[in-house]
């Protein structure tokens, strides 16, 4: 399993501990199969994921109150995925980037 960053917490969503997550564009498919996420080194069991277009709403078993979510603002959200999924998410690895005629 490989740890990848799938997004960043924006703010609480509602009063029951739901998380509003700004996703990494490449990681969108990962959200649909989430069982657990890691935030600040702690694992959380995912109960529900809702796609809201520009962001996702995550409901976890452990976070049940807005006051538990508030201190987590701007934290990175990580998921553990298979090597194959990690390669799909990071599909730009190995490509050459050319900007203004210079190879980056």
C-alpha atoms as a PDB file:
ATOM      1  CA  UNK A   1       0.000   0.000   0.000  1.00  0.00           C
ATOM      2  CA  UNK A   2       1.148   3.495  -0.758  1.00  0.00           C
ATOM      3  CA  UNK A   3       0.203   6.740   1.004  1.00  0.00           C
ATOM      4  CA  UNK A   4      -0.971   9.538  -1.309  1.00  0.00           C
ATOM      5  CA  UNK A   5      -2.329  13.012  -0.640  1.00  0.00           C
ATOM      6  CA  UNK A   6      -5.902  13.216  -1.888  1.00  0.00           C
ATOM      7  CA  UNK A   7      -6.851  16.691  -0.708  1.00  0.00           C
ATOM      8  CA  UNK A   8      -6.978  19.367   1.968  1.00  0.00           C
ATOM      9  CA  UNK A   9      -9.628  20.077   4.592  1.00  0.00           C
ATOM     10  CA  UNK A  10     -11.361  23.376   4.001  1.00  0.00           C
ATOM     11  CA  UNK A  11     -13.781  23.599   6.925  1.00  0.00           C
ATOM     12  CA  UNK A  12     -16.493  21.699   8.765  1.00  0.00           C
ATOM     13  CA  UNK A  13     -19.694  20.954   6.849  1.00  0.00           C
ATOM     14  CA  UNK A  14     -22.684  21.186   9.142  1.00  0.00           C
ATOM     15  CA  UNK A  15     -22.788  20.455  12.863  1.00  0.00           C
ATOM     16  CA  UNK A  16     -22.278  16.680  12.883  1.00  0.00           C
ATOM     17  CA  UNK A  17     -18.544  16.492  12.158  1.00  0.00           C
ATOM     18  CA  UNK A  18     -18.576  16.235   8.378  1.00  0.00           C
ATOM     19  CA  UNK A  19     -15.474  17.441   6.534  1.00  0.00           C
ATOM     20  CA  UNK A  20     -15.361  19.617   3.435  1.00  0.00           C
ATOM     21  CA  UNK A  21     -12.347  18.462   1.398  1.00  0.00           C
ATOM     22  CA  UNK A  22     -10.797  20.242  -1.585  1.00  0.00           C
ATOM     23  CA  UNK A  23      -9.608  17.336  -3.699  1.00  0.00           C
ATOM     24  CA  UNK A  24      -6.512  16.916  -5.811  1.00  0.00           C
ATOM     25  CA  UNK A  25      -7.826  16.596  -9.362  1.00  0.00           C
ATOM     26  CA  UNK A  26      -5.862  13.404 -10.023  1.00  0.00           C
ATOM     27  CA  UNK A  27      -7.226  11.756  -6.866  1.00  0.00           C
ATOM     28  CA  UNK A  28     -10.954  12.138  -7.612  1.00  0.00           C
ATOM     29  CA  UNK A  29     -11.453   8.419  -8.431  1.00  0.00           C
ATOM     30  CA  UNK A  30      -9.899   7.453  -5.080  1.00  0.00           C
ATOM     31  CA  UNK A  31     -12.711   9.202  -3.156  1.00  0.00           C
ATOM     32  CA  UNK A  32     -15.316   6.750  -4.425  1.00  0.00           C
ATOM     33  CA  UNK A  33     -13.558   3.756  -2.805  1.00  0.00           C
ATOM     34  CA  UNK A  34     -12.422   5.264   0.506  1.00  0.00           C
ATOM     35  CA  UNK A  35     -12.607   3.133   3.635  1.00  0.00           C
ATOM     36  CA  UNK A  36     -10.163   5.173   5.713  1.00  0.00           C
ATOM     37  CA  UNK A  37      -8.310   8.482   5.555  1.00  0.00           C
ATOM     38  CA  UNK A  38      -5.358   9.818   7.503  1.00  0.00           C
ATOM     39  CA  UNK A  39      -5.412  13.360   8.886  1.00  0.00           C
ATOM     40  CA  UNK A  40      -2.553  14.673  11.043  1.00  0.00           C
ATOM     41  CA  UNK A  41      -1.245  11.144  11.543  1.00  0.00           C
ATOM     42  CA  UNK A  42      -4.564   9.739  12.792  1.00  0.00           C
ATOM     43  CA  UNK A  43      -6.720   7.241  10.893  1.00  0.00           C
ATOM     44  CA  UNK A  44     -10.460   7.840  10.438  1.00  0.00           C
ATOM     45  CA  UNK A  45     -13.058   5.346   9.153  1.00  0.00           C
ATOM     46  CA  UNK A  46     -15.056   6.829   6.253  1.00  0.00           C
ATOM     47  CA  UNK A  47     -18.807   6.241   6.477  1.00  0.00           C
ATOM     48  CA  UNK A  48     -19.984   8.372   3.553  1.00  0.00           C
ATOM     49  CA  UNK A  49     -18.556  10.411   0.665  1.00  0.00           C
ATOM     50  CA  UNK A  50     -20.608  13.020  -1.179  1.00  0.00           C
ATOM     51  CA  UNK A  51     -19.390  14.698  -4.367  1.00  0.00           C
ATOM     52  CA  UNK A  52     -20.268  18.408  -4.443  1.00  0.00           C
ATOM     53  CA  UNK A  53     -18.502  19.320  -7.678  1.00  0.00           C
ATOM     54  CA  UNK A  54     -15.467  21.331  -6.566  1.00  0.00           C
ATOM     55  CA  UNK A  55     -15.110  19.488  -3.268  1.00  0.00           C
ATOM     56  CA  UNK A  56     -16.128  16.343  -1.393  1.00  0.00           C
ATOM     57  CA  UNK A  57     -17.955  15.950   1.910  1.00  0.00           C
ATOM     58  CA  UNK A  58     -16.580  13.150   4.104  1.00  0.00           C
ATOM     59  CA  UNK A  59     -18.418  11.688   7.070  1.00  0.00           C
ATOM     60  CA  UNK A  60     -16.254   9.658   9.451  1.00  0.00           C
ATOM     61  CA  UNK A  61     -17.156   7.395  12.361  1.00  0.00           C
ATOM     62  CA  UNK A  62     -14.821   9.166  14.779  1.00  0.00           C
ATOM     63  CA  UNK A  63     -15.693  12.819  14.081  1.00  0.00           C
ATOM     64  CA  UNK A  64     -19.230  13.505  15.276  1.00  0.00           C
ATOM     65  CA  UNK A  65     -19.168  17.188  16.222  1.00  0.00           C
ATOM     66  CA  UNK A  66     -18.186  20.456  14.539  1.00  0.00           C
ATOM     67  CA  UNK A  67     -15.824  21.223  17.442  1.00  0.00           C
ATOM     68  CA  UNK A  68     -13.761  18.120  16.609  1.00  0.00           C
ATOM     69  CA  UNK A  69     -13.398  19.183  12.973  1.00  0.00           C
ATOM     70  CA  UNK A  70     -12.644  22.887  13.452  1.00  0.00           C
ATOM     71  CA  UNK A  71      -9.008  22.381  14.607  1.00  0.00           C
ATOM     72  CA  UNK A  72      -8.323  20.242  11.521  1.00  0.00           C
ATOM     73  CA  UNK A  73      -8.821  23.110   9.029  1.00  0.00           C
ATOM     74  CA  UNK A  74      -6.181  23.232   6.261  1.00  0.00           C
ATOM     75  CA  UNK A  75      -4.860  19.770   7.198  1.00  0.00           C
ATOM     76  CA  UNK A  76      -3.842  17.437   4.392  1.00  0.00           C
ATOM     77  CA  UNK A  77      -5.931  14.319   3.802  1.00  0.00           C
ATOM     78  CA  UNK A  78      -4.139  11.100   2.856  1.00  0.00           C
ATOM     79  CA  UNK A  79      -5.313   7.680   1.712  1.00  0.00           C
ATOM     80  CA  UNK A  80      -3.519   4.367   1.406  1.00  0.00           C
ATOM     81  CA  UNK A  81      -3.940   2.844  -2.040  1.00  0.00           C
ATOM     82  CA  UNK A  82      -2.426   0.043  -4.085  1.00  0.00           C
ATOM     83  CA  UNK A  83       0.700   0.709  -6.127  1.00  0.00           C
ATOM     84  CA  UNK A  84      -1.414   0.505  -9.302  1.00  0.00           C
ATOM     85  CA  UNK A  85      -3.850   3.184  -8.111  1.00  0.00           C
ATOM     86  CA  UNK A  86      -0.974   5.374  -6.907  1.00  0.00           C
ATOM     87  CA  UNK A  87       0.579   5.180 -10.380  1.00  0.00           C
ATOM     88  CA  UNK A  88      -2.734   6.185 -11.972  1.00  0.00           C
ATOM     89  CA  UNK A  89      -3.068   9.152  -9.607  1.00  0.00           C
ATOM     90  CA  UNK A  90       0.526  10.200 -10.256  1.00  0.00           C
ATOM     91  CA  UNK A  91       0.288   9.549 -13.997  1.00  0.00           C
ATOM     92  CA  UNK A  92       2.415  12.594 -14.805  1.00  0.00           C
ATOM     93  CA  UNK A  93       5.536  11.022 -13.276  1.00  0.00           C
ATOM     94  CA  UNK A  94       8.163  10.409 -15.926  1.00  0.00           C
ATOM     95  CA  UNK A  95       6.954  13.079 -18.336  1.00  0.00           C
ATOM     96  CA  UNK A  96       9.164  15.965 -19.432  1.00  0.00           C
ATOM     97  CA  UNK A  97       7.784  19.439 -18.797  1.00  0.00           C
ATOM     98  CA  UNK A  98       8.795  22.223 -21.153  1.00  0.00           C
ATOM     99  CA  UNK A  99       8.005  25.795 -20.116  1.00  0.00           C
ATOM    100  CA  UNK A 100       9.045  28.815 -22.179  1.00  0.00           C
ATOM    101  CA  UNK A 101      11.342  26.627 -24.236  1.00  0.00           C
ATOM    102  CA  UNK A 102      13.191  25.301 -21.169  1.00  0.00           C
ATOM    103  CA  UNK A 103      12.988  21.747 -19.885  1.00  0.00           C
ATOM    104  CA  UNK A 104      11.905  21.722 -16.268  1.00  0.00           C
END
